[in-house]
Amino acid sequence: MTTKKLTQLERRIEKTKARIILIGEMRPGSLTRQYKHSEDQAGAYYQISYTLDMKSRTEYVRKECVSDIRRQIVNYKRFKKLTTEWIKLSIEHSKLSMKLKRQ
């Protein structure tokens, strides 16, 4: 039973790895639309804010790059979700492996 479960976990890990490989460009952060004059919403511009290496950063984004940045942010969120899944599966795999070695 546990060897079967172990094999299933290994397959799920491999599928997760394969999905990670397919992720394209990615970028952490959030994209917001800002205004130079917020009261009348004039002078709109975009900026991305993110933290990397424990440093908070904010960068301006050109209007023609907004769709690319949005796609990159979605890819990063997908990457984070998949790596979290991989870690959880690996922990479960490790526990089962140790259990099998004790028996």
Protein backbone atom coordinates (compact mmCIF):
# COMPACT_ATOMS: atom_id res chain seq x y z
CA MET A 1 0.00 0.00 0.00
CA THR A 2 2.69 2.52 0.94
CA THR A 3 4.87 1.65 -2.05
CA LYS A 4 1.89 2.27 -4.30
CA LYS A 5 1.29 5.60 -2.59
CA LEU A 6 5.00 6.41 -2.94
CA THR A 7 4.83 5.76 -6.69
CA GLN A 8 1.74 7.96 -6.99
CA LEU A 9 3.52 10.78 -5.18
CA GLU A 10 6.55 10.43 -7.47
CA ARG A 11 4.27 10.70 -10.53
CA ARG A 12 2.57 13.78 -9.11
CA ILE A 13 5.95 15.38 -8.39
CA GLU A 14 7.09 14.72 -11.95
CA LYS A 15 3.88 16.25 -13.35
CA THR A 16 4.36 19.30 -11.17
CA LYS A 17 7.96 19.69 -12.36
CA ALA A 18 6.81 19.41 -15.98
CA ARG A 19 4.24 22.16 -15.43
CA ILE A 20 6.88 24.41 -13.85
CA ILE A 21 9.18 24.00 -16.85
CA LEU A 22 6.44 25.34 -19.15
CA ILE A 23 6.11 28.63 -17.27
CA GLY A 24 7.50 31.52 -19.30
CA GLU A 25 8.76 34.88 -18.13
CA MET A 26 7.73 35.74 -14.62
CA ARG A 27 7.89 38.61 -12.23
CA PRO A 28 6.78 39.08 -8.62
CA GLY A 29 4.70 41.99 -7.44
CA SER A 30 1.52 43.84 -8.05
CA LEU A 31 0.69 46.24 -10.83
CA THR A 32 -1.31 49.32 -9.97
CA ARG A 33 -2.64 52.31 -11.84
CA GLN A 34 -1.71 55.59 -10.23
CA TYR A 35 -2.69 59.18 -10.93
CA LYS A 36 -0.62 62.34 -10.71
CA HIS A 37 -3.80 64.18 -9.73
CA SER A 38 -5.95 61.67 -7.90
CA GLU A 39 -8.90 63.99 -7.29
CA ASP A 40 -9.74 64.28 -11.01
CA GLN A 41 -7.88 61.08 -12.03
CA ALA A 42 -5.61 62.94 -14.44
CA GLY A 43 -2.13 61.86 -15.48
CA ALA A 44 -2.58 58.10 -15.19
CA TYR A 45 0.48 55.86 -15.08
CA TYR A 46 1.30 52.30 -14.01
CA GLN A 47 3.80 51.01 -11.50
CA ILE A 48 4.85 47.62 -10.25
CA SER A 49 5.76 47.08 -6.62
CA TYR A 50 7.57 44.01 -5.33
CA THR A 51 10.03 42.79 -2.71
CA LEU A 52 13.20 40.96 -3.69
CA ASP A 53 16.13 40.10 -1.43
CA MET A 54 14.29 41.77 1.44
CA LYS A 55 14.22 45.09 -0.42
CA SER A 56 11.01 46.74 -1.50
CA ARG A 57 11.07 48.15 -5.01
CA THR A 58 8.73 50.19 -7.16
CA GLU A 59 9.18 50.74 -10.88
CA TYR A 60 7.26 52.65 -13.49
CA VAL A 61 5.74 50.60 -16.31
CA ARG A 62 5.11 51.93 -19.78
CA LYS A 63 1.54 51.64 -20.98
CA GLU A 64 2.53 49.37 -23.88
CA CYS A 65 4.20 46.94 -21.44
CA VAL A 66 1.25 46.56 -19.04
CA SER A 67 -0.18 43.40 -20.63
CA ASP A 68 3.26 41.71 -20.60
CA ILE A 69 3.79 42.62 -16.95
CA ARG A 70 0.33 41.28 -16.03
CA ARG A 71 1.12 37.98 -17.78
CA GLN A 72 4.48 37.76 -15.99
CA ILE A 73 2.80 38.35 -12.62
CA VAL A 74 0.26 35.59 -13.35
CA ASN A 75 3.14 33.27 -14.32
CA TYR A 76 4.94 34.07 -11.06
CA LYS A 77 1.83 33.28 -9.02
CA ARG A 78 1.45 29.99 -10.90
CA PHE A 79 5.14 29.23 -10.21
CA LYS A 80 4.73 29.91 -6.49
CA LYS A 81 1.63 27.70 -6.32
CA LEU A 82 3.36 24.84 -8.13
CA THR A 83 6.53 25.03 -6.04
CA THR A 84 4.44 24.97 -2.86
CA GLU A 85 2.63 21.90 -4.20
CA TRP A 86 5.99 20.27 -5.03
CA ILE A 87 7.29 20.91 -1.51
CA LYS A 88 4.16 19.45 0.11
CA LEU A 89 4.37 16.36 -2.09
CA SER A 90 8.08 16.00 -1.33
CA ILE A 91 7.46 16.17 2.41
CA GLU A 92 4.80 13.49 2.15
CA HIS A 93 7.15 11.40 -0.02
CA SER A 94 9.95 11.76 2.53
CA LYS A 95 7.71 10.70 5.42
CA LEU A 96 6.52 7.62 3.53
CA SER A 97 10.07 6.71 2.52
CA MET A 98 11.22 6.88 6.14
CA LYS A 99 8.24 4.78 7.21
CA LEU A 100 9.12 2.10 4.62
CA LYS A 101 12.75 2.01 5.76
CA ARG A 102 11.70 1.41 9.36
CA GLN A 103 9.59 -1.58 8.41
